[in-house]
């Protein structure tokens, strides 16, 4: 994600990684973050929904430190108020 406002190049690579490791929370949340970036600046209502879907997916292995997950949640939840 070397271009914060243009994650389009990263998303297909992350989707391939997610297909290979469809049980990885780390890959899923990074993909969600990239997809959320794509929603900026026009569609804030989807940002939390994309993240929440990963957080609620019980089939994913928590292969990320809880502290890192908390940091992501603390930031992304700021967009929850824009969800429909």
PDB file of N, CA and C in Angstrom:
ATOM      1  N   UNK A   1       0.843  -1.169   0.000  1.00  0.00           N
ATOM      2  CA  UNK A   1       0.000   0.000   0.000  1.00  0.00           C
ATOM      3  C   UNK A   1       0.889   1.233   0.000  1.00  0.00           C
ATOM      4  N   UNK A   2       1.698   1.330  -1.027  1.00  0.00           N
ATOM      5  CA  UNK A   2       2.607   2.454  -1.117  1.00  0.00           C
ATOM      6  C   UNK A   2       1.911   3.727  -1.568  1.00  0.00           C
ATOM      7  N   UNK A   3       0.689   3.626  -2.091  1.00  0.00           N
ATOM      8  CA  UNK A   3      -0.072   4.803  -2.491  1.00  0.00           C
ATOM      9  C   UNK A   3      -1.399   4.766  -1.736  1.00  0.00           C
ATOM     10  N   UNK A   4      -1.445   5.475  -0.639  1.00  0.00           N
ATOM     11  CA  UNK A   4      -2.561   5.420   0.305  1.00  0.00           C
ATOM     12  C   UNK A   4      -3.914   5.625  -0.346  1.00  0.00           C
ATOM     13  N   UNK A   5      -3.990   6.537  -1.307  1.00  0.00           N
ATOM     14  CA  UNK A   5      -5.287   6.861  -1.904  1.00  0.00           C
ATOM     15  C   UNK A   5      -5.615   6.028  -3.140  1.00  0.00           C
ATOM     16  N   UNK A   6      -4.725   5.110  -3.504  1.00  0.00           N
ATOM     17  CA  UNK A   6      -4.956   4.251  -4.671  1.00  0.00           C
ATOM     18  C   UNK A   6      -4.555   2.804  -4.356  1.00  0.00           C
ATOM     19  N   UNK A   7      -5.367   2.123  -3.555  1.00  0.00           N
ATOM     20  CA  UNK A   7      -5.032   0.748  -3.162  1.00  0.00           C
ATOM     21  C   UNK A   7      -5.396  -0.290  -4.224  1.00  0.00           C
ATOM     22  N   UNK A   8      -5.890   0.163  -5.382  1.00  0.00           N
ATOM     23  CA  UNK A   8      -6.402  -0.765  -6.396  1.00  0.00           C
ATOM     24  C   UNK A   8      -5.376  -1.802  -6.828  1.00  0.00           C
ATOM     25  N   UNK A   9      -4.091  -1.414  -6.879  1.00  0.00           N
ATOM     26  CA  UNK A   9      -3.059  -2.372  -7.298  1.00  0.00           C
ATOM     27  C   UNK A   9      -2.830  -3.449  -6.239  1.00  0.00           C
ATOM     28  N   UNK A  10      -2.990  -3.100  -4.988  1.00  0.00           N
ATOM     29  CA  UNK A  10      -2.740  -4.043  -3.896  1.00  0.00           C
ATOM     30  C   UNK A  10      -3.881  -5.034  -3.715  1.00  0.00           C
ATOM     31  N   UNK A  11      -5.093  -4.619  -3.995  1.00  0.00           N
ATOM     32  CA  UNK A  11      -6.268  -5.449  -3.702  1.00  0.00           C
ATOM     33  C   UNK A  11      -6.235  -6.802  -4.420  1.00  0.00           C
ATOM     34  N   UNK A  12      -5.933  -6.872  -5.718  1.00  0.00           N
ATOM     35  CA  UNK A  12      -5.885  -8.200  -6.362  1.00  0.00           C
ATOM     36  C   UNK A  12      -4.830  -9.122  -5.749  1.00  0.00           C
ATOM     37  N   UNK A  13      -3.704  -8.575  -5.354  1.00  0.00           N
ATOM     38  CA  UNK A  13      -2.662  -9.392  -4.708  1.00  0.00           C
ATOM     39  C   UNK A  13      -3.137  -9.900  -3.347  1.00  0.00           C
ATOM     40  N   UNK A  14      -3.791  -9.039  -2.603  1.00  0.00           N
ATOM     41  CA  UNK A  14      -4.321  -9.440  -1.299  1.00  0.00           C
ATOM     42  C   UNK A  14      -5.448 -10.456  -1.446  1.00  0.00           C
ATOM     43  N   UNK A  15      -6.246 -10.325  -2.487  1.00  0.00           N
ATOM     44  CA  UNK A  15      -7.312 -11.297  -2.723  1.00  0.00           C
ATOM     45  C   UNK A  15      -6.729 -12.676  -3.052  1.00  0.00           C
ATOM     46  N   UNK A  16      -5.648 -12.714  -3.805  1.00  0.00           N
ATOM     47  CA  UNK A  16      -4.980 -13.992  -4.092  1.00  0.00           C
ATOM     48  C   UNK A  16      -4.437 -14.610  -2.814  1.00  0.00           C
ATOM     49  N   UNK A  17      -3.848 -13.779  -1.966  1.00  0.00           N
ATOM     50  CA  UNK A  17      -3.340 -14.272  -0.684  1.00  0.00           C
ATOM     51  C   UNK A  17      -4.479 -14.812   0.165  1.00  0.00           C
ATOM     52  N   UNK A  18      -5.612 -14.112   0.156  1.00  0.00           N
ATOM     53  CA  UNK A  18      -6.777 -14.541   0.937  1.00  0.00           C
ATOM     54  C   UNK A  18      -7.336 -15.864   0.406  1.00  0.00           C
ATOM     55  N   UNK A  19      -7.273 -16.072  -0.886  1.00  0.00           N
ATOM     56  CA  UNK A  19      -7.722 -17.350  -1.457  1.00  0.00           C
ATOM     57  C   UNK A  19      -6.823 -18.497  -1.001  1.00  0.00           C
ATOM     58  N   UNK A  20      -5.516 -18.239  -0.974  1.00  0.00           N
ATOM     59  CA  UNK A  20      -4.568 -19.276  -0.560  1.00  0.00           C
ATOM     60  C   UNK A  20      -4.674 -19.573   0.930  1.00  0.00           C
ATOM     61  N   UNK A  21      -4.873 -18.544   1.718  1.00  0.00           N
ATOM     62  CA  UNK A  21      -4.947 -18.684   3.178  1.00  0.00           C
ATOM     63  C   UNK A  21      -6.274 -18.116   3.652  1.00  0.00           C
ATOM     64  N   UNK A  22      -7.352 -18.801   3.287  1.00  0.00           N
ATOM     65  CA  UNK A  22      -8.690 -18.291   3.579  1.00  0.00           C
ATOM     66  C   UNK A  22      -9.063 -18.366   5.056  1.00  0.00           C
ATOM     67  N   UNK A  23      -8.157 -18.864   5.873  1.00  0.00           N
ATOM     68  CA  UNK A  23      -8.412 -18.924   7.314  1.00  0.00           C
ATOM     69  C   UNK A  23      -7.576 -17.907   8.099  1.00  0.00           C
ATOM     70  N   UNK A  24      -6.823 -17.068   7.397  1.00  0.00           N
ATOM     71  CA  UNK A  24      -5.920 -16.124   8.056  1.00  0.00           C
ATOM     72  C   UNK A  24      -6.609 -14.804   8.365  1.00  0.00           C
ATOM     73  N   UNK A  25      -6.714 -14.507   9.641  1.00  0.00           N
ATOM     74  CA  UNK A  25      -7.265 -13.228  10.061  1.00  0.00           C
ATOM     75  C   UNK A  25      -6.390 -12.081   9.565  1.00  0.00           C
ATOM     76  N   UNK A  26      -5.077 -12.244   9.650  1.00  0.00           N
ATOM     77  CA  UNK A  26      -4.143 -11.191   9.248  1.00  0.00           C
ATOM     78  C   UNK A  26      -4.365 -10.787   7.799  1.00  0.00           C
ATOM     79  N   UNK A  27      -4.416 -11.767   6.921  1.00  0.00           N
ATOM     80  CA  UNK A  27      -4.620 -11.470   5.498  1.00  0.00           C
ATOM     81  C   UNK A  27      -5.987 -10.842   5.287  1.00  0.00           C
ATOM     82  N   UNK A  28      -6.999 -11.376   5.925  1.00  0.00           N
ATOM     83  CA  UNK A  28      -8.360 -10.863   5.761  1.00  0.00           C
ATOM     84  C   UNK A  28      -8.485  -9.418   6.237  1.00  0.00           C
ATOM     85  N   UNK A  29      -7.864  -9.086   7.354  1.00  0.00           N
ATOM     86  CA  UNK A  29      -8.001  -7.727   7.878  1.00  0.00           C
ATOM     87  C   UNK A  29      -7.196  -6.742   7.042  1.00  0.00           C
ATOM     88  N   UNK A  30      -6.050  -7.157   6.529  1.00  0.00           N
ATOM     89  CA  UNK A  30      -5.268  -6.271   5.662  1.00  0.00           C
ATOM     90  C   UNK A  30      -6.025  -6.035   4.354  1.00  0.00           C
ATOM     91  N   UNK A  31      -6.645  -7.067   3.817  1.00  0.00           N
ATOM     92  CA  UNK A  31      -7.484  -6.912   2.634  1.00  0.00           C
ATOM     93  C   UNK A  31      -8.645  -5.964   2.933  1.00  0.00           C
ATOM     94  N   UNK A  32      -9.254  -6.109   4.080  1.00  0.00           N
ATOM     95  CA  UNK A  32     -10.356  -5.228   4.473  1.00  0.00           C
ATOM     96  C   UNK A  32      -9.885  -3.777   4.578  1.00  0.00           C
ATOM     97  N   UNK A  33      -8.699  -3.573   5.117  1.00  0.00           N
ATOM     98  CA  UNK A  33      -8.165  -2.214   5.231  1.00  0.00           C
ATOM     99  C   UNK A  33      -7.935  -1.603   3.851  1.00  0.00           C
ATOM    100  N   UNK A  34      -7.397  -2.392   2.929  1.00  0.00           N
ATOM    101  CA  UNK A  34      -7.180  -1.901   1.565  1.00  0.00           C
ATOM    102  C   UNK A  34      -8.509  -1.584   0.884  1.00  0.00           C
ATOM    103  N   UNK A  35      -9.486  -2.470   1.050  1.00  0.00           N
ATOM    104  CA  UNK A  35     -10.812  -2.223   0.464  1.00  0.00           C
ATOM    105  C   UNK A  35     -11.459  -0.993   1.092  1.00  0.00           C
ATOM    106  N   UNK A  36     -11.237  -0.796   2.375  1.00  0.00           N
ATOM    107  CA  UNK A  36     -11.774   0.380   3.054  1.00  0.00           C
ATOM    108  C   UNK A  36     -11.137   1.657   2.511  1.00  0.00           C
ATOM    109  N   UNK A  37      -9.850   1.597   2.249  1.00  0.00           N
ATOM    110  CA  UNK A  37      -9.168   2.754   1.677  1.00  0.00           C
ATOM    111  C   UNK A  37      -9.782   3.142   0.332  1.00  0.00           C
ATOM    112  N   UNK A  38     -10.185   2.139  -0.410  1.00  0.00           N
ATOM    113  CA  UNK A  38     -10.783   2.396  -1.720  1.00  0.00           C
ATOM    114  C   UNK A  38     -12.086   3.181  -1.582  1.00  0.00           C
ATOM    115  N   UNK A  39     -12.759   3.060  -0.449  1.00  0.00           N
ATOM    116  CA  UNK A  39     -14.017   3.759  -0.197  1.00  0.00           C
ATOM    117  C   UNK A  39     -13.815   5.252   0.089  1.00  0.00           C
ATOM    118  N   UNK A  40     -12.601   5.616   0.457  1.00  0.00           N
ATOM    119  CA  UNK A  40     -12.308   7.021   0.757  1.00  0.00           C
ATOM    120  C   UNK A  40     -12.181   7.808  -0.538  1.00  0.00           C
ATOM    121  N   UNK A  41     -12.552   9.029  -0.596  1.00  0.00           N
ATOM    122  CA  UNK A  41     -13.176   9.836   0.441  1.00  0.00           C
ATOM    123  C   UNK A  41     -14.697   9.876   0.343  1.00  0.00           C
ATOM    124  N   UNK A  42     -15.273   9.138  -0.591  1.00  0.00           N
ATOM    125  CA  UNK A  42     -16.682   9.327  -0.914  1.00  0.00           C
ATOM    126  C   UNK A  42     -17.682   8.437  -0.188  1.00  0.00           C
ATOM    127  N   UNK A  43     -17.292   7.265   0.242  1.00  0.00           N
ATOM    128  CA  UNK A  43     -18.277   6.303   0.733  1.00  0.00           C
ATOM    129  C   UNK A  43     -17.919   5.786   2.124  1.00  0.00           C
ATOM    130  N   UNK A  44     -17.929   6.668   3.077  1.00  0.00           N
ATOM    131  CA  UNK A  44     -17.544   6.322   4.444  1.00  0.00           C
ATOM    132  C   UNK A  44     -18.483   5.310   5.078  1.00  0.00           C
ATOM    133  N   UNK A  45     -19.678   5.178   4.568  1.00  0.00           N
ATOM    134  CA  UNK A  45     -20.654   4.282   5.198  1.00  0.00           C
ATOM    135  C   UNK A  45     -20.248   2.810   5.090  1.00  0.00           C
ATOM    136  N   UNK A  46     -19.409   2.457   4.141  1.00  0.00           N
ATOM    137  CA  UNK A  46     -18.996   1.063   3.984  1.00  0.00           C
ATOM    138  C   UNK A  46     -17.749   0.691   4.776  1.00  0.00           C
ATOM    139  N   UNK A  47     -17.004   1.662   5.226  1.00  0.00           N
ATOM    140  CA  UNK A  47     -15.694   1.392   5.824  1.00  0.00           C
ATOM    141  C   UNK A  47     -15.803   0.489   7.051  1.00  0.00           C
ATOM    142  N   UNK A  48     -16.659   0.819   7.984  1.00  0.00           N
ATOM    143  CA  UNK A  48     -16.797  -0.019   9.177  1.00  0.00           C
ATOM    144  C   UNK A  48     -17.385  -1.379   8.826  1.00  0.00           C
ATOM    145  N   UNK A  49     -18.338  -1.420   7.905  1.00  0.00           N
ATOM    146  CA  UNK A  49     -18.965  -2.691   7.518  1.00  0.00           C
ATOM    147  C   UNK A  49     -17.940  -3.675   6.974  1.00  0.00           C
ATOM    148  N   UNK A  50     -17.005  -3.197   6.177  1.00  0.00           N
ATOM    149  CA  UNK A  50     -15.957  -4.060   5.604  1.00  0.00           C
ATOM    150  C   UNK A  50     -15.099  -4.643   6.722  1.00  0.00           C
ATOM    151  N   UNK A  51     -14.723  -3.790   7.660  1.00  0.00           N
ATOM    152  CA  UNK A  51     -13.889  -4.225   8.788  1.00  0.00           C
ATOM    153  C   UNK A  51     -14.663  -5.157   9.710  1.00  0.00           C
ATOM    154  N   UNK A  52     -15.885  -4.807  10.023  1.00  0.00           N
ATOM    155  CA  UNK A  52     -16.712  -5.585  10.948  1.00  0.00           C
ATOM    156  C   UNK A  52     -16.944  -7.008  10.430  1.00  0.00           C
ATOM    157  N   UNK A  53     -17.093  -7.148   9.135  1.00  0.00           N
ATOM    158  CA  UNK A  53     -17.311  -8.466   8.543  1.00  0.00           C
ATOM    159  C   UNK A  53     -16.138  -9.401   8.870  1.00  0.00           C
ATOM    160  N   UNK A  54     -14.926  -8.886   8.800  1.00  0.00           N
ATOM    161  CA  UNK A  54     -13.749  -9.690   9.145  1.00  0.00           C
ATOM    162  C   UNK A  54     -13.727  -9.972  10.643  1.00  0.00           C
ATOM    163  N   UNK A  55     -13.988  -8.963  11.446  1.00  0.00           N
ATOM    164  CA  UNK A  55     -13.958  -9.137  12.903  1.00  0.00           C
ATOM    165  C   UNK A  55     -14.978 -10.170  13.381  1.00  0.00           C
ATOM    166  N   UNK A  56     -16.090 -10.288  12.673  1.00  0.00           N
ATOM    167  CA  UNK A  56     -17.146 -11.228  13.058  1.00  0.00           C
ATOM    168  C   UNK A  56     -17.000 -12.607  12.437  1.00  0.00           C
ATOM    169  N   UNK A  57     -16.021 -12.784  11.584  1.00  0.00           N
ATOM    170  CA  UNK A  57     -15.827 -14.068  10.915  1.00  0.00           C
ATOM    171  C   UNK A  57     -15.121 -15.044  11.861  1.00  0.00           C
ATOM    172  N   UNK A  58     -15.880 -15.961  12.420  1.00  0.00           N
ATOM    173  CA  UNK A  58     -15.356 -16.912  13.412  1.00  0.00           C
ATOM    174  C   UNK A  58     -14.522 -18.035  12.789  1.00  0.00           C
ATOM    175  N   UNK A  59     -14.491 -18.131  11.465  1.00  0.00           N
ATOM    176  CA  UNK A  59     -13.696 -19.177  10.810  1.00  0.00           C
ATOM    177  C   UNK A  59     -12.233 -18.775  10.658  1.00  0.00           C
ATOM    178  N   UNK A  60     -11.922 -17.517  10.926  1.00  0.00           N
ATOM    179  CA  UNK A  60     -10.547 -17.039  10.763  1.00  0.00           C
ATOM    180  C   UNK A  60      -9.711 -17.334  11.994  1.00  0.00           C
ATOM    181  N   UNK A  61      -8.470 -17.750  11.756  1.00  0.00           N
ATOM    182  CA  UNK A  61      -7.511 -17.965  12.848  1.00  0.00           C
ATOM    183  C   UNK A  61      -6.927 -16.616  13.229  1.00  0.00           C
ATOM    184  N   UNK A  62      -6.943 -16.328  14.513  1.00  0.00           N
ATOM    185  CA  UNK A  62      -6.366 -15.077  15.007  1.00  0.00           C
ATOM    186  C   UNK A  62      -4.839 -15.195  14.995  1.00  0.00           C
ATOM    187  N   UNK A  63      -4.261 -14.977  13.828  1.00  0.00           N
ATOM    188  CA  UNK A  63      -2.818 -15.069  13.662  1.00  0.00           C
ATOM    189  C   UNK A  63      -2.172 -13.683  13.681  1.00  0.00           C
ATOM    190  N   UNK A  64      -2.756 -12.814  14.481  1.00  0.00           N
ATOM    191  CA  UNK A  64      -2.248 -11.460  14.664  1.00  0.00           C
ATOM    192  C   UNK A  64      -2.306 -11.164  16.158  1.00  0.00           C
ATOM    193  N   UNK A  65      -1.342 -10.424  16.637  1.00  0.00           N
ATOM    194  CA  UNK A  65      -1.336 -10.091  18.065  1.00  0.00           C
ATOM    195  C   UNK A  65      -2.564  -9.273  18.432  1.00  0.00           C
ATOM    196  N   UNK A  66      -3.109  -9.565  19.602  1.00  0.00           N
ATOM    197  CA  UNK A  66      -4.301  -8.863  20.083  1.00  0.00           C
ATOM    198  C   UNK A  66      -4.079  -7.353  20.145  1.00  0.00           C
ATOM    199  N   UNK A  67      -2.888  -6.938  20.514  1.00  0.00           N
ATOM    200  CA  UNK A  67      -2.583  -5.509  20.585  1.00  0.00           C
ATOM    201  C   UNK A  67      -2.734  -4.855  19.206  1.00  0.00           C
ATOM    202  N   UNK A  68      -2.284  -5.535  18.168  1.00  0.00           N
ATOM    203  CA  UNK A  68      -2.405  -5.015  16.804  1.00  0.00           C
ATOM    204  C   UNK A  68      -3.876  -4.954  16.378  1.00  0.00           C
ATOM    205  N   UNK A  69      -4.626  -5.983  16.721  1.00  0.00           N
ATOM    206  CA  UNK A  69      -6.058  -6.009  16.403  1.00  0.00           C
ATOM    207  C   UNK A  69      -6.763  -4.849  17.094  1.00  0.00           C
ATOM    208  N   UNK A  70      -6.426  -4.608  18.343  1.00  0.00           N
ATOM    209  CA  UNK A  70      -7.039  -3.511  19.095  1.00  0.00           C
ATOM    210  C   UNK A  70      -6.742  -2.163  18.442  1.00  0.00           C
ATOM    211  N   UNK A  71      -5.528  -1.968  17.977  1.00  0.00           N
ATOM    212  CA  UNK A  71      -5.158  -0.718  17.312  1.00  0.00           C
ATOM    213  C   UNK A  71      -6.008  -0.515  16.057  1.00  0.00           C
ATOM    214  N   UNK A  72      -6.166  -1.579  15.278  1.00  0.00           N
ATOM    215  CA  UNK A  72      -6.976  -1.506  14.062  1.00  0.00           C
ATOM    216  C   UNK A  72      -8.429  -1.181  14.413  1.00  0.00           C
ATOM    217  N   UNK A  73      -8.967  -1.898  15.389  1.00  0.00           N
ATOM    218  CA  UNK A  73     -10.365  -1.670  15.785  1.00  0.00           C
ATOM    219  C   UNK A  73     -10.552  -0.242  16.297  1.00  0.00           C
ATOM    220  N   UNK A  74      -9.651   0.209  17.164  1.00  0.00           N
ATOM    221  CA  UNK A  74      -9.772   1.551  17.735  1.00  0.00           C
ATOM    222  C   UNK A  74      -9.809   2.625  16.655  1.00  0.00           C
ATOM    223  N   UNK A  75      -9.077   2.417  15.577  1.00  0.00           N
ATOM    224  CA  UNK A  75      -9.082   3.389  14.487  1.00  0.00           C
ATOM    225  C   UNK A  75     -10.314   3.214  13.599  1.00  0.00           C
ATOM    226  N   UNK A  76     -10.581   2.001  13.182  1.00  0.00           N
ATOM    227  CA  UNK A  76     -11.652   1.767  12.209  1.00  0.00           C
ATOM    228  C   UNK A  76     -13.040   2.007  12.789  1.00  0.00           C
ATOM    229  N   UNK A  77     -13.190   1.827  14.094  1.00  0.00           N
ATOM    230  CA  UNK A  77     -14.513   2.027  14.699  1.00  0.00           C
ATOM    231  C   UNK A  77     -14.947   3.498  14.630  1.00  0.00           C
ATOM    232  N   UNK A  78     -14.013   4.380  14.379  1.00  0.00           N
ATOM    233  CA  UNK A  78     -14.358   5.791  14.214  1.00  0.00           C
ATOM    234  C   UNK A  78     -15.308   5.992  13.031  1.00  0.00           C
ATOM    235  N   UNK A  79     -15.294   5.061  12.083  1.00  0.00           N
ATOM    236  CA  UNK A  79     -16.158   5.149  10.902  1.00  0.00           C
ATOM    237  C   UNK A  79     -17.533   4.518  11.120  1.00  0.00           C
ATOM    238  N   UNK A  80     -17.722   3.872  12.260  1.00  0.00           N
ATOM    239  CA  UNK A  80     -18.985   3.189  12.517  1.00  0.00           C
ATOM    240  C   UNK A  80     -20.176   4.144  12.483  1.00  0.00           C
ATOM    241  N   UNK A  81     -19.989   5.335  12.962  1.00  0.00           N
ATOM    242  CA  UNK A  81     -21.095   6.291  13.008  1.00  0.00           C
ATOM    243  C   UNK A  81     -21.595   6.683  11.621  1.00  0.00           C
ATOM    244  N   UNK A  82     -20.824   6.405  10.579  1.00  0.00           N
ATOM    245  CA  UNK A  82     -21.248   6.705   9.210  1.00  0.00           C
ATOM    246  C   UNK A  82     -21.969   5.546   8.552  1.00  0.00           C
ATOM    247  N   UNK A  83     -21.984   4.379   9.217  1.00  0.00           N
ATOM    248  CA  UNK A  83     -22.657   3.198   8.667  1.00  0.00           C
ATOM    249  C   UNK A  83     -24.160   3.401   8.667  1.00  0.00           C
ATOM    250  N   UNK A  84     -24.787   2.804   7.709  1.00  0.00           N
ATOM    251  CA  UNK A  84     -26.260   2.898   7.627  1.00  0.00           C
ATOM    252  C   UNK A  84     -26.904   1.812   8.449  1.00  0.00           C
TER     253      UNK A  84
END
